[in-house]
Amino acid sequence: MPILHTVLFKLAGEATPDQLQAAKASVVAFSEIPGCSWARFGDVFPSERARGYTHQFIGEFENLEALQIFATHPIHLEAIATHVRPLFD
């Protein structure tokens, strides 16, 4: 049974459109990781319910094992270190 993995982010400060596009591209590349069926990254609909979150990642994984592989995969770790942590809390 597929597993959906969702992560919400808050911008830590200002980000340029190029920085946000690079973050999006690095996260969408998660679909290259074996077991990840698809990956999306985008803005959160601005409302009180968003509680300050500005962006989200949603990915579908074939099963729990695929999600566990994703957690330590170099593509994932590089994207987090290079594009996510510098921009988001």
N, C-alpha and C. Protein backbone atom coordinates (compact mmCIF):
# COMPACT_ATOMS: atom_id res chain seq x y z
N MET A 1 0.84 -1.18 0.00
CA MET A 1 0.00 0.00 0.00
C MET A 1 0.89 1.24 0.00
N PRO A 2 0.64 2.20 -0.89
CA PRO A 2 1.45 3.41 -0.95
C PRO A 2 1.33 4.25 0.32
N ILE A 3 2.40 4.99 0.60
CA ILE A 3 2.44 5.88 1.75
C ILE A 3 2.66 7.30 1.25
N LEU A 4 1.84 8.23 1.72
CA LEU A 4 2.04 9.64 1.42
C LEU A 4 2.83 10.26 2.56
N HIS A 5 3.87 11.00 2.21
CA HIS A 5 4.72 11.67 3.19
C HIS A 5 4.58 13.17 2.94
N THR A 6 4.19 13.91 3.97
CA THR A 6 3.97 15.34 3.86
C THR A 6 4.82 16.07 4.88
N VAL A 7 5.49 17.14 4.44
CA VAL A 7 6.29 17.98 5.34
C VAL A 7 5.92 19.43 5.06
N LEU A 8 5.65 20.18 6.12
CA LEU A 8 5.35 21.60 6.00
C LEU A 8 6.56 22.41 6.42
N PHE A 9 6.77 23.55 5.75
CA PHE A 9 7.93 24.40 6.01
C PHE A 9 7.49 25.84 6.23
N LYS A 10 8.31 26.57 7.00
CA LYS A 10 8.13 28.01 7.18
C LYS A 10 9.40 28.68 6.68
N LEU A 11 9.24 29.68 5.81
CA LEU A 11 10.40 30.44 5.38
C LEU A 11 11.07 31.06 6.59
N ALA A 12 12.39 30.98 6.66
CA ALA A 12 13.13 31.54 7.78
C ALA A 12 13.36 33.04 7.61
N GLY A 13 13.22 33.54 6.41
CA GLY A 13 13.43 34.95 6.11
C GLY A 13 13.11 35.19 4.65
N GLU A 14 13.85 36.07 4.05
CA GLU A 14 13.65 36.36 2.63
C GLU A 14 14.27 35.26 1.78
N ALA A 15 13.65 34.99 0.67
CA ALA A 15 14.18 34.03 -0.31
C ALA A 15 13.91 34.59 -1.70
N THR A 16 14.89 34.49 -2.56
CA THR A 16 14.70 34.97 -3.93
C THR A 16 13.91 33.93 -4.72
N PRO A 17 13.29 34.37 -5.82
CA PRO A 17 12.61 33.38 -6.68
C PRO A 17 13.55 32.28 -7.16
N ASP A 18 14.81 32.62 -7.44
CA ASP A 18 15.77 31.60 -7.88
C ASP A 18 16.05 30.59 -6.77
N GLN A 19 16.16 31.05 -5.53
CA GLN A 19 16.38 30.13 -4.41
C GLN A 19 15.20 29.19 -4.23
N LEU A 20 14.00 29.74 -4.33
CA LEU A 20 12.80 28.91 -4.19
C LEU A 20 12.68 27.91 -5.34
N GLN A 21 13.03 28.34 -6.54
CA GLN A 21 12.98 27.43 -7.68
C GLN A 21 14.00 26.31 -7.53
N ALA A 22 15.19 26.63 -7.02
CA ALA A 22 16.22 25.61 -6.79
C ALA A 22 15.76 24.63 -5.72
N ALA A 23 15.11 25.13 -4.67
CA ALA A 23 14.59 24.25 -3.63
C ALA A 23 13.53 23.33 -4.21
N LYS A 24 12.64 23.89 -5.01
CA LYS A 24 11.58 23.08 -5.63
C LYS A 24 12.19 21.99 -6.52
N ALA A 25 13.14 22.37 -7.35
CA ALA A 25 13.77 21.40 -8.27
C ALA A 25 14.46 20.28 -7.49
N SER A 26 15.13 20.64 -6.38
CA SER A 26 15.83 19.61 -5.61
C SER A 26 14.85 18.65 -4.94
N VAL A 27 13.71 19.17 -4.50
CA VAL A 27 12.71 18.32 -3.85
C VAL A 27 11.97 17.46 -4.88
N VAL A 28 11.64 18.03 -6.02
CA VAL A 28 10.96 17.25 -7.06
C VAL A 28 11.86 16.11 -7.55
N ALA A 29 13.18 16.30 -7.45
CA ALA A 29 14.12 15.25 -7.85
C ALA A 29 14.04 14.02 -6.94
N PHE A 30 13.31 14.14 -5.82
CA PHE A 30 13.13 12.98 -4.95
C PHE A 30 12.47 11.83 -5.71
N SER A 31 11.73 12.15 -6.75
CA SER A 31 11.07 11.10 -7.53
C SER A 31 12.08 10.20 -8.25
N GLU A 32 13.34 10.61 -8.30
CA GLU A 32 14.40 9.77 -8.87
C GLU A 32 14.86 8.69 -7.89
N ILE A 33 14.49 8.84 -6.63
CA ILE A 33 14.89 7.86 -5.61
C ILE A 33 14.02 6.62 -5.77
N PRO A 34 14.63 5.44 -5.84
CA PRO A 34 13.84 4.22 -5.99
C PRO A 34 12.78 4.11 -4.89
N GLY A 35 11.56 3.80 -5.31
CA GLY A 35 10.46 3.65 -4.38
C GLY A 35 9.62 4.90 -4.20
N CYS A 36 10.10 6.04 -4.70
CA CYS A 36 9.32 7.27 -4.65
C CYS A 36 8.58 7.41 -5.98
N SER A 37 7.27 7.32 -5.94
CA SER A 37 6.46 7.37 -7.16
C SER A 37 6.38 8.77 -7.73
N TRP A 38 6.24 9.75 -6.86
CA TRP A 38 6.19 11.15 -7.28
C TRP A 38 6.49 12.05 -6.10
N ALA A 39 6.91 13.28 -6.40
CA ALA A 39 7.23 14.27 -5.36
C ALA A 39 6.79 15.64 -5.85
N ARG A 40 6.18 16.41 -4.96
CA ARG A 40 5.73 17.76 -5.28
C ARG A 40 6.17 18.72 -4.18
N PHE A 41 6.41 19.97 -4.58
CA PHE A 41 6.79 21.02 -3.63
C PHE A 41 6.10 22.30 -4.08
N GLY A 42 5.49 23.00 -3.15
CA GLY A 42 4.82 24.24 -3.54
C GLY A 42 4.38 25.05 -2.35
N ASP A 43 3.72 26.16 -2.65
CA ASP A 43 3.22 27.06 -1.63
C ASP A 43 2.04 26.43 -0.90
N VAL A 44 1.90 26.82 0.36
CA VAL A 44 0.73 26.47 1.14
C VAL A 44 -0.29 27.58 0.92
N PHE A 45 -1.55 27.23 0.81
CA PHE A 45 -2.60 28.23 0.65
C PHE A 45 -2.59 29.13 1.88
N PRO A 46 -2.42 30.44 1.69
CA PRO A 46 -2.30 31.34 2.85
C PRO A 46 -3.65 31.53 3.56
N SER A 47 -3.71 31.10 4.80
CA SER A 47 -4.89 31.29 5.63
C SER A 47 -4.47 31.12 7.08
N GLU A 48 -5.37 31.40 8.00
CA GLU A 48 -5.07 31.19 9.42
C GLU A 48 -4.77 29.72 9.70
N ARG A 49 -5.41 28.84 8.97
CA ARG A 49 -5.22 27.41 9.18
C ARG A 49 -3.81 26.97 8.83
N ALA A 50 -3.09 27.74 8.00
CA ALA A 50 -1.73 27.38 7.62
C ALA A 50 -0.75 27.56 8.79
N ARG A 51 -1.14 28.33 9.80
CA ARG A 51 -0.33 28.52 11.01
C ARG A 51 1.09 28.97 10.72
N GLY A 52 1.24 29.80 9.70
CA GLY A 52 2.56 30.34 9.38
C GLY A 52 3.39 29.50 8.42
N TYR A 53 2.92 28.30 8.10
CA TYR A 53 3.65 27.47 7.15
C TYR A 53 3.48 28.08 5.77
N THR A 54 4.55 28.10 5.01
CA THR A 54 4.54 28.75 3.70
C THR A 54 4.67 27.79 2.53
N HIS A 55 5.26 26.62 2.74
CA HIS A 55 5.53 25.67 1.67
C HIS A 55 5.32 24.24 2.17
N GLN A 56 5.15 23.33 1.21
CA GLN A 56 4.99 21.94 1.60
C GLN A 56 5.60 20.99 0.57
N PHE A 57 5.99 19.83 1.08
CA PHE A 57 6.43 18.72 0.25
C PHE A 57 5.42 17.61 0.45
N ILE A 58 5.04 16.98 -0.64
CA ILE A 58 4.22 15.78 -0.59
C ILE A 58 4.84 14.77 -1.54
N GLY A 59 5.07 13.58 -1.06
CA GLY A 59 5.62 12.52 -1.90
C GLY A 59 4.89 11.21 -1.65
N GLU A 60 4.82 10.40 -2.69
CA GLU A 60 4.21 9.08 -2.55
C GLU A 60 5.31 8.03 -2.66
N PHE A 61 5.29 7.12 -1.69
CA PHE A 61 6.28 6.05 -1.64
C PHE A 61 5.57 4.71 -1.73
N GLU A 62 6.23 3.75 -2.38
CA GLU A 62 5.62 2.45 -2.63
C GLU A 62 5.21 1.74 -1.35
N ASN A 63 6.02 1.90 -0.29
CA ASN A 63 5.76 1.22 0.97
C ASN A 63 6.65 1.84 2.05
N LEU A 64 6.55 1.34 3.27
CA LEU A 64 7.33 1.86 4.38
C LEU A 64 8.82 1.70 4.15
N GLU A 65 9.23 0.59 3.56
CA GLU A 65 10.64 0.35 3.29
C GLU A 65 11.20 1.43 2.34
N ALA A 66 10.44 1.79 1.33
CA ALA A 66 10.87 2.83 0.40
C ALA A 66 11.01 4.17 1.11
N LEU A 67 10.11 4.48 2.04
CA LEU A 67 10.21 5.72 2.81
C LEU A 67 11.45 5.70 3.69
N GLN A 68 11.77 4.57 4.25
CA GLN A 68 12.96 4.45 5.09
C GLN A 68 14.24 4.60 4.26
N ILE A 69 14.26 4.08 3.05
CA ILE A 69 15.40 4.26 2.15
C ILE A 69 15.54 5.73 1.79
N PHE A 70 14.44 6.38 1.50
CA PHE A 70 14.42 7.80 1.17
C PHE A 70 15.07 8.63 2.27
N ALA A 71 14.81 8.29 3.52
CA ALA A 71 15.29 9.08 4.65
C ALA A 71 16.81 9.26 4.66
N THR A 72 17.54 8.28 4.16
CA THR A 72 19.01 8.37 4.18
C THR A 72 19.62 8.42 2.78
N HIS A 73 18.79 8.58 1.77
CA HIS A 73 19.29 8.59 0.40
C HIS A 73 20.08 9.88 0.12
N PRO A 74 21.20 9.80 -0.60
CA PRO A 74 22.02 10.99 -0.87
C PRO A 74 21.28 12.13 -1.57
N ILE A 75 20.36 11.84 -2.47
CA ILE A 75 19.59 12.91 -3.14
C ILE A 75 18.78 13.69 -2.11
N HIS A 76 18.15 12.98 -1.19
CA HIS A 76 17.36 13.61 -0.13
C HIS A 76 18.25 14.43 0.79
N LEU A 77 19.32 13.84 1.27
CA LEU A 77 20.21 14.53 2.22
C LEU A 77 20.85 15.77 1.60
N GLU A 78 21.24 15.69 0.34
CA GLU A 78 21.85 16.84 -0.35
C GLU A 78 20.84 17.97 -0.51
N ALA A 79 19.62 17.64 -0.89
CA ALA A 79 18.58 18.67 -1.05
C ALA A 79 18.30 19.37 0.27
N ILE A 80 18.21 18.61 1.34
CA ILE A 80 17.95 19.20 2.65
C ILE A 80 19.10 20.12 3.05
N ALA A 81 20.33 19.66 2.92
CA ALA A 81 21.49 20.45 3.34
C ALA A 81 21.69 21.69 2.48
N THR A 82 21.48 21.56 1.18
CA THR A 82 21.79 22.64 0.25
C THR A 82 20.65 23.63 0.05
N HIS A 83 19.42 23.14 0.00
CA HIS A 83 18.31 24.01 -0.41
C HIS A 83 17.22 24.21 0.64
N VAL A 84 17.03 23.25 1.53
CA VAL A 84 15.91 23.37 2.46
C VAL A 84 16.34 24.06 3.75
N ARG A 85 17.35 23.55 4.44
CA ARG A 85 17.76 24.15 5.70
C ARG A 85 18.19 25.61 5.59
N PRO A 86 18.86 26.02 4.52
CA PRO A 86 19.22 27.45 4.42
C PRO A 86 18.02 28.39 4.28
N LEU A 87 16.88 27.90 3.82
CA LEU A 87 15.73 28.77 3.57
C LEU A 87 14.59 28.63 4.57
N PHE A 88 14.45 27.44 5.17
CA PHE A 88 13.26 27.15 5.97
C PHE A 88 13.62 26.76 7.39
N ASP A 89 12.70 27.12 8.32
CA ASP A 89 12.83 26.70 9.72
C ASP A 89 12.39 25.26 9.86
